[in-house]
Amino acid sequence: MPNVAATFGYRRIACSRAREAEPITRSFFKRERARLVFRGFHLGSKRVLRLMRTHGLLAPRRPGPPNGDPVHARTIITTCPDEMWGMDATRFSTAPDGRSWFFGVIDHAVNEIVGGQTTKIGDR
């Protein structure tokens, strides 16, 4: 016997999409829940997520961390120069000028600073 609540919720999502004259496509559940609330159907976000997951309507997700491997796969040190650079900024103080910023670029192969800039405002 089919789950009556799941079928009813799925019909609400389908009904909401039919009223907007859009096909039911894979989407994010928060967007679909907002569309349902706008149309007058008040469902919980967990229920909308469960229904969309059950019927295969969720948008595809990328596996893994959002910005790549957080530990760089231990390949920061390279074998030849000019292969991988890193940039960092630091704030420091001097007596006559007060607080200033230093932006430096380092070559990971030779572990030397290859470029840098000092500025009063750290927005570069």
N, C-alpha and C. Protein backbone atom coordinates (compact mmCIF):
# COMPACT_ATOMS: atom_id res chain seq x y z
N MET A 1 0.85 -1.19 0.00
CA MET A 1 0.00 0.00 0.00
C MET A 1 0.89 1.24 0.00
N PRO A 2 0.65 2.20 -0.89
CA PRO A 2 1.50 3.38 -0.97
C PRO A 2 1.30 4.28 0.25
N ASN A 3 2.33 5.02 0.54
CA ASN A 3 2.29 5.97 1.65
C ASN A 3 1.40 7.15 1.24
N VAL A 4 0.30 7.29 1.97
CA VAL A 4 -0.69 8.31 1.61
C VAL A 4 -0.13 9.70 1.79
N ALA A 5 0.63 9.94 2.88
CA ALA A 5 1.19 11.27 3.12
C ALA A 5 2.21 11.63 2.06
N ALA A 6 3.05 10.66 1.65
CA ALA A 6 4.05 10.94 0.62
C ALA A 6 3.38 11.23 -0.71
N THR A 7 2.35 10.46 -1.06
CA THR A 7 1.64 10.68 -2.31
C THR A 7 0.95 12.03 -2.30
N PHE A 8 0.33 12.39 -1.17
CA PHE A 8 -0.35 13.67 -1.06
C PHE A 8 0.64 14.83 -1.20
N GLY A 9 1.81 14.72 -0.54
CA GLY A 9 2.82 15.76 -0.64
C GLY A 9 3.38 15.88 -2.04
N TYR A 10 3.60 14.74 -2.70
CA TYR A 10 4.10 14.75 -4.07
C TYR A 10 3.08 15.40 -5.00
N ARG A 11 1.80 15.12 -4.76
CA ARG A 11 0.77 15.74 -5.59
C ARG A 11 0.73 17.26 -5.37
N ARG A 12 1.00 17.69 -4.14
CA ARG A 12 1.06 19.14 -3.89
C ARG A 12 2.20 19.77 -4.68
N ILE A 13 3.37 19.13 -4.68
CA ILE A 13 4.49 19.67 -5.45
C ILE A 13 4.14 19.68 -6.93
N ALA A 14 3.56 18.59 -7.43
CA ALA A 14 3.18 18.52 -8.84
C ALA A 14 2.11 19.55 -9.16
N CYS A 15 1.15 19.74 -8.25
CA CYS A 15 0.08 20.71 -8.47
C CYS A 15 0.64 22.12 -8.50
N SER A 16 1.60 22.41 -7.62
CA SER A 16 2.21 23.73 -7.59
C SER A 16 2.94 23.99 -8.89
N ARG A 17 3.67 22.99 -9.40
CA ARG A 17 4.40 23.16 -10.65
C ARG A 17 3.44 23.27 -11.83
N ALA A 18 2.34 22.55 -11.81
CA ALA A 18 1.38 22.61 -12.91
C ALA A 18 0.74 23.99 -12.99
N ARG A 19 0.49 24.58 -11.84
CA ARG A 19 -0.10 25.93 -11.83
C ARG A 19 0.86 26.95 -12.41
N GLU A 20 2.16 26.71 -12.23
CA GLU A 20 3.14 27.65 -12.78
C GLU A 20 3.45 27.34 -14.23
N ALA A 21 2.84 26.30 -14.80
CA ALA A 21 3.04 25.88 -16.19
C ALA A 21 4.50 25.54 -16.46
N GLU A 22 5.16 24.90 -15.48
CA GLU A 22 6.54 24.46 -15.64
C GLU A 22 6.58 22.95 -15.47
N PRO A 23 7.47 22.29 -16.17
CA PRO A 23 7.61 20.85 -15.95
C PRO A 23 8.28 20.58 -14.61
N ILE A 24 8.03 19.42 -14.04
CA ILE A 24 8.68 19.04 -12.80
C ILE A 24 10.10 18.61 -13.16
N THR A 25 11.05 19.36 -12.71
CA THR A 25 12.45 19.05 -12.97
C THR A 25 13.19 18.89 -11.65
N ARG A 26 14.43 18.48 -11.74
CA ARG A 26 15.24 18.33 -10.54
C ARG A 26 15.60 19.71 -10.02
N SER A 27 15.41 19.93 -8.72
CA SER A 27 15.61 21.25 -8.16
C SER A 27 16.05 21.13 -6.72
N PHE A 28 16.29 22.25 -6.09
CA PHE A 28 16.65 22.30 -4.68
C PHE A 28 15.37 22.36 -3.86
N PHE A 29 15.36 21.61 -2.75
CA PHE A 29 14.13 21.49 -1.99
C PHE A 29 13.72 22.79 -1.33
N LYS A 30 14.66 23.67 -0.99
CA LYS A 30 14.29 24.96 -0.37
C LYS A 30 13.51 25.82 -1.35
N ARG A 31 13.91 25.79 -2.60
CA ARG A 31 13.20 26.55 -3.63
C ARG A 31 11.78 26.01 -3.80
N GLU A 32 11.66 24.69 -3.82
CA GLU A 32 10.33 24.09 -4.00
C GLU A 32 9.44 24.38 -2.80
N ARG A 33 10.01 24.33 -1.60
CA ARG A 33 9.22 24.63 -0.40
C ARG A 33 8.74 26.08 -0.44
N ALA A 34 9.61 26.99 -0.87
CA ALA A 34 9.21 28.40 -0.98
C ALA A 34 8.09 28.58 -1.99
N ARG A 35 8.15 27.83 -3.09
CA ARG A 35 7.06 27.91 -4.09
C ARG A 35 5.76 27.38 -3.51
N LEU A 36 5.84 26.31 -2.72
CA LEU A 36 4.63 25.76 -2.11
C LEU A 36 4.03 26.73 -1.11
N VAL A 37 4.87 27.36 -0.29
CA VAL A 37 4.38 28.33 0.69
C VAL A 37 3.75 29.51 -0.03
N PHE A 38 4.36 29.94 -1.13
CA PHE A 38 3.81 31.04 -1.90
C PHE A 38 2.43 30.69 -2.45
N ARG A 39 2.23 29.42 -2.81
CA ARG A 39 0.95 28.96 -3.34
C ARG A 39 -0.07 28.62 -2.25
N GLY A 40 0.34 28.71 -0.97
CA GLY A 40 -0.60 28.45 0.11
C GLY A 40 -0.49 27.08 0.73
N PHE A 41 0.47 26.25 0.29
CA PHE A 41 0.67 24.93 0.87
C PHE A 41 1.80 25.02 1.88
N HIS A 42 1.50 24.81 3.14
CA HIS A 42 2.51 24.92 4.19
C HIS A 42 2.96 23.53 4.60
N LEU A 43 4.16 23.14 4.13
CA LEU A 43 4.76 21.86 4.46
C LEU A 43 6.10 22.11 5.13
N GLY A 44 6.51 21.21 5.98
CA GLY A 44 7.82 21.32 6.62
C GLY A 44 8.94 21.06 5.62
N SER A 45 10.10 21.67 5.86
CA SER A 45 11.21 21.52 4.92
C SER A 45 11.72 20.08 4.89
N LYS A 46 11.70 19.39 6.04
CA LYS A 46 12.16 18.00 6.05
C LYS A 46 11.22 17.11 5.24
N ARG A 47 9.95 17.42 5.27
CA ARG A 47 8.99 16.63 4.51
C ARG A 47 9.18 16.85 3.01
N VAL A 48 9.38 18.11 2.61
CA VAL A 48 9.61 18.40 1.20
C VAL A 48 10.89 17.72 0.73
N LEU A 49 11.95 17.77 1.55
CA LEU A 49 13.20 17.11 1.20
C LEU A 49 13.00 15.61 1.05
N ARG A 50 12.28 14.99 1.98
CA ARG A 50 12.05 13.55 1.92
C ARG A 50 11.25 13.18 0.67
N LEU A 51 10.22 13.95 0.38
CA LEU A 51 9.38 13.65 -0.79
C LEU A 51 10.17 13.80 -2.09
N MET A 52 10.96 14.85 -2.18
CA MET A 52 11.73 15.06 -3.39
C MET A 52 12.80 13.99 -3.54
N ARG A 53 13.40 13.57 -2.42
CA ARG A 53 14.40 12.50 -2.49
C ARG A 53 13.75 11.19 -2.92
N THR A 54 12.56 10.91 -2.38
CA THR A 54 11.86 9.67 -2.71
C THR A 54 11.52 9.59 -4.20
N HIS A 55 11.13 10.70 -4.79
CA HIS A 55 10.69 10.71 -6.18
C HIS A 55 11.80 11.13 -7.16
N GLY A 56 13.03 11.27 -6.66
CA GLY A 56 14.16 11.58 -7.53
C GLY A 56 14.12 12.96 -8.13
N LEU A 57 13.65 13.95 -7.38
CA LEU A 57 13.53 15.31 -7.90
C LEU A 57 14.61 16.26 -7.39
N LEU A 58 15.56 15.75 -6.61
CA LEU A 58 16.61 16.62 -6.08
C LEU A 58 17.66 16.89 -7.15
N ALA A 59 18.21 18.09 -7.11
CA ALA A 59 19.28 18.44 -8.03
C ALA A 59 20.55 17.66 -7.65
N PRO A 60 21.39 17.34 -8.62
CA PRO A 60 22.61 16.59 -8.30
C PRO A 60 23.56 17.43 -7.46
N ARG A 61 24.31 16.75 -6.60
CA ARG A 61 25.27 17.42 -5.73
C ARG A 61 26.67 16.94 -6.06
N ARG A 62 27.64 17.82 -5.83
CA ARG A 62 29.03 17.43 -6.01
C ARG A 62 29.54 16.80 -4.73
N PRO A 63 30.18 15.64 -4.82
CA PRO A 63 30.71 15.02 -3.61
C PRO A 63 31.98 15.72 -3.14
N GLY A 64 32.26 15.61 -1.85
CA GLY A 64 33.50 16.14 -1.30
C GLY A 64 33.36 17.55 -0.78
N PRO A 65 34.47 18.09 -0.27
CA PRO A 65 34.46 19.46 0.25
C PRO A 65 34.14 20.46 -0.85
N PRO A 66 33.54 21.61 -0.51
CA PRO A 66 33.11 22.55 -1.54
C PRO A 66 34.26 23.22 -2.29
N ASN A 67 35.43 23.34 -1.68
CA ASN A 67 36.54 24.03 -2.33
C ASN A 67 37.71 23.10 -2.62
N GLY A 68 37.46 21.85 -2.84
CA GLY A 68 38.52 20.92 -3.15
C GLY A 68 39.07 20.26 -1.89
N ASP A 69 40.23 19.65 -2.03
CA ASP A 69 40.87 18.93 -0.95
C ASP A 69 41.42 19.92 0.08
N PRO A 70 40.94 19.89 1.33
CA PRO A 70 41.38 20.88 2.30
C PRO A 70 42.84 20.73 2.73
N VAL A 71 43.47 19.58 2.51
CA VAL A 71 44.86 19.40 2.91
C VAL A 71 45.80 19.40 1.71
N HIS A 72 45.35 19.82 0.56
CA HIS A 72 46.15 19.94 -0.66
C HIS A 72 46.78 18.62 -1.10
N ALA A 73 46.33 17.51 -0.60
CA ALA A 73 46.88 16.20 -0.92
C ALA A 73 48.40 16.17 -0.70
N ARG A 74 48.88 17.01 0.18
CA ARG A 74 50.31 17.10 0.56
C ARG A 74 51.22 17.38 -0.62
N THR A 75 50.77 18.24 -1.52
CA THR A 75 51.57 18.57 -2.70
C THR A 75 51.87 20.06 -2.77
N ILE A 76 52.08 20.72 -1.65
CA ILE A 76 52.41 22.15 -1.68
C ILE A 76 53.85 22.34 -2.15
N ILE A 77 54.76 21.47 -1.74
CA ILE A 77 56.15 21.58 -2.15
C ILE A 77 56.29 20.96 -3.54
N THR A 78 56.77 21.76 -4.47
CA THR A 78 56.90 21.30 -5.85
C THR A 78 58.36 21.01 -6.18
N THR A 79 58.60 20.44 -7.35
CA THR A 79 59.96 20.05 -7.73
C THR A 79 60.68 21.12 -8.54
N CYS A 80 59.95 22.01 -9.20
CA CYS A 80 60.61 23.04 -10.00
C CYS A 80 59.96 24.39 -9.71
N PRO A 81 60.73 25.48 -9.88
CA PRO A 81 60.19 26.82 -9.60
C PRO A 81 59.08 27.20 -10.59
N ASP A 82 58.34 28.20 -10.22
CA ASP A 82 57.25 28.77 -11.02
C ASP A 82 56.17 27.75 -11.36
N GLU A 83 55.94 26.79 -10.50
CA GLU A 83 54.90 25.80 -10.72
C GLU A 83 53.69 26.07 -9.84
N MET A 84 53.92 26.44 -8.59
CA MET A 84 52.82 26.74 -7.68
C MET A 84 53.21 27.90 -6.77
N TRP A 85 52.35 28.91 -6.75
CA TRP A 85 52.58 30.06 -5.90
C TRP A 85 51.47 30.16 -4.88
N GLY A 86 51.78 30.82 -3.79
CA GLY A 86 50.78 31.09 -2.77
C GLY A 86 50.81 32.56 -2.41
N MET A 87 49.68 33.08 -1.96
CA MET A 87 49.61 34.50 -1.60
C MET A 87 49.02 34.61 -0.20
N ASP A 88 49.54 35.55 0.55
CA ASP A 88 49.02 35.77 1.90
C ASP A 88 49.15 37.24 2.23
N ALA A 89 48.37 37.66 3.19
CA ALA A 89 48.40 39.05 3.65
C ALA A 89 48.58 39.06 5.16
N THR A 90 49.29 40.07 5.63
CA THR A 90 49.47 40.23 7.07
C THR A 90 49.45 41.72 7.41
N ARG A 91 48.97 42.02 8.59
CA ARG A 91 48.90 43.40 9.04
C ARG A 91 50.00 43.61 10.07
N PHE A 92 50.67 44.74 9.98
CA PHE A 92 51.74 45.05 10.93
C PHE A 92 51.65 46.53 11.30
N SER A 93 52.38 46.90 12.34
CA SER A 93 52.37 48.29 12.82
C SER A 93 53.78 48.85 12.82
N THR A 94 53.86 50.12 12.46
CA THR A 94 55.10 50.88 12.58
C THR A 94 54.80 52.15 13.36
N ALA A 95 55.81 52.69 14.01
CA ALA A 95 55.59 53.88 14.85
C ALA A 95 55.15 55.09 14.03
N PRO A 96 55.82 55.42 12.92
CA PRO A 96 55.40 56.64 12.21
C PRO A 96 54.13 56.47 11.38
N ASP A 97 53.89 55.28 10.85
CA ASP A 97 52.77 55.11 9.92
C ASP A 97 51.54 54.45 10.53
N GLY A 98 51.69 53.81 11.66
CA GLY A 98 50.56 53.08 12.24
C GLY A 98 50.41 51.72 11.59
N ARG A 99 49.18 51.27 11.45
CA ARG A 99 48.93 49.94 10.89
C ARG A 99 49.01 49.97 9.38
N SER A 100 49.66 48.94 8.82
CA SER A 100 49.80 48.78 7.38
C SER A 100 49.62 47.31 7.04
N TRP A 101 49.51 47.04 5.73
CA TRP A 101 49.32 45.67 5.25
C TRP A 101 50.46 45.29 4.33
N PHE A 102 50.86 44.02 4.36
CA PHE A 102 51.83 43.46 3.42
C PHE A 102 51.16 42.28 2.72
N PHE A 103 51.16 42.32 1.40
CA PHE A 103 50.67 41.22 0.58
C PHE A 103 51.88 40.59 -0.10
N GLY A 104 52.11 39.32 0.14
CA GLY A 104 53.27 38.65 -0.42
C GLY A 104 52.89 37.43 -1.24
N VAL A 105 53.71 37.18 -2.28
CA VAL A 105 53.54 36.00 -3.12
C VAL A 105 54.79 35.15 -2.93
N ILE A 106 54.60 33.87 -2.62
CA ILE A 106 55.72 32.97 -2.36
C ILE A 106 55.72 31.84 -3.37
N ASP A 107 56.92 31.47 -3.82
CA ASP A 107 57.09 30.33 -4.71
C ASP A 107 57.33 29.11 -3.83
N HIS A 108 56.49 28.09 -3.95
CA HIS A 108 56.57 26.95 -3.05
C HIS A 108 57.78 26.06 -3.32
N ALA A 109 58.35 26.10 -4.51
CA ALA A 109 59.49 25.24 -4.82
C ALA A 109 60.76 25.73 -4.11
N VAL A 110 61.02 27.03 -4.18
CA VAL A 110 62.24 27.57 -3.59
C VAL A 110 61.99 28.22 -2.24
N ASN A 111 60.71 28.35 -1.86
CA ASN A 111 60.31 28.91 -0.57
C ASN A 111 60.84 30.34 -0.39
N GLU A 112 60.69 31.14 -1.44
CA GLU A 112 61.13 32.53 -1.41
C GLU A 112 59.97 33.43 -1.83
N ILE A 113 60.02 34.66 -1.33
CA ILE A 113 59.02 35.65 -1.73
C ILE A 113 59.40 36.18 -3.11
N VAL A 114 58.50 36.06 -4.07
CA VAL A 114 58.78 36.51 -5.44
C VAL A 114 58.11 37.84 -5.74
N GLY A 115 57.26 38.29 -4.88
CA GLY A 115 56.62 39.58 -5.09
C GLY A 115 55.90 40.02 -3.83
N GLY A 116 55.72 41.31 -3.70
CA GLY A 116 55.02 41.81 -2.53
C GLY A 116 54.61 43.25 -2.69
N GLN A 117 53.70 43.67 -1.83
CA GLN A 117 53.22 45.05 -1.86
C GLN A 117 52.81 45.42 -0.45
N THR A 118 53.15 46.65 -0.06
CA THR A 118 52.69 47.19 1.22
C THR A 118 51.71 48.30 0.92
N THR A 119 50.71 48.41 1.75
CA THR A 119 49.69 49.43 1.54
C THR A 119 49.06 49.79 2.88
N LYS A 120 48.46 50.93 2.92
CA LYS A 120 47.82 51.41 4.15
C LYS A 120 46.46 50.75 4.36
N ILE A 121 45.74 50.50 3.27
CA ILE A 121 44.40 49.90 3.34
C ILE A 121 44.49 48.48 2.76
N GLY A 122 44.02 47.50 3.48
CA GLY A 122 44.15 46.11 3.05
C GLY A 122 43.02 45.63 2.18
N ASP A 123 42.78 46.26 1.04
CA ASP A 123 41.68 45.83 0.16
C ASP A 123 42.18 45.47 -1.23
N ARG A 124 43.43 45.16 -1.40
CA ARG A 124 43.96 44.84 -2.73
C ARG A 124 44.17 43.38 -2.89
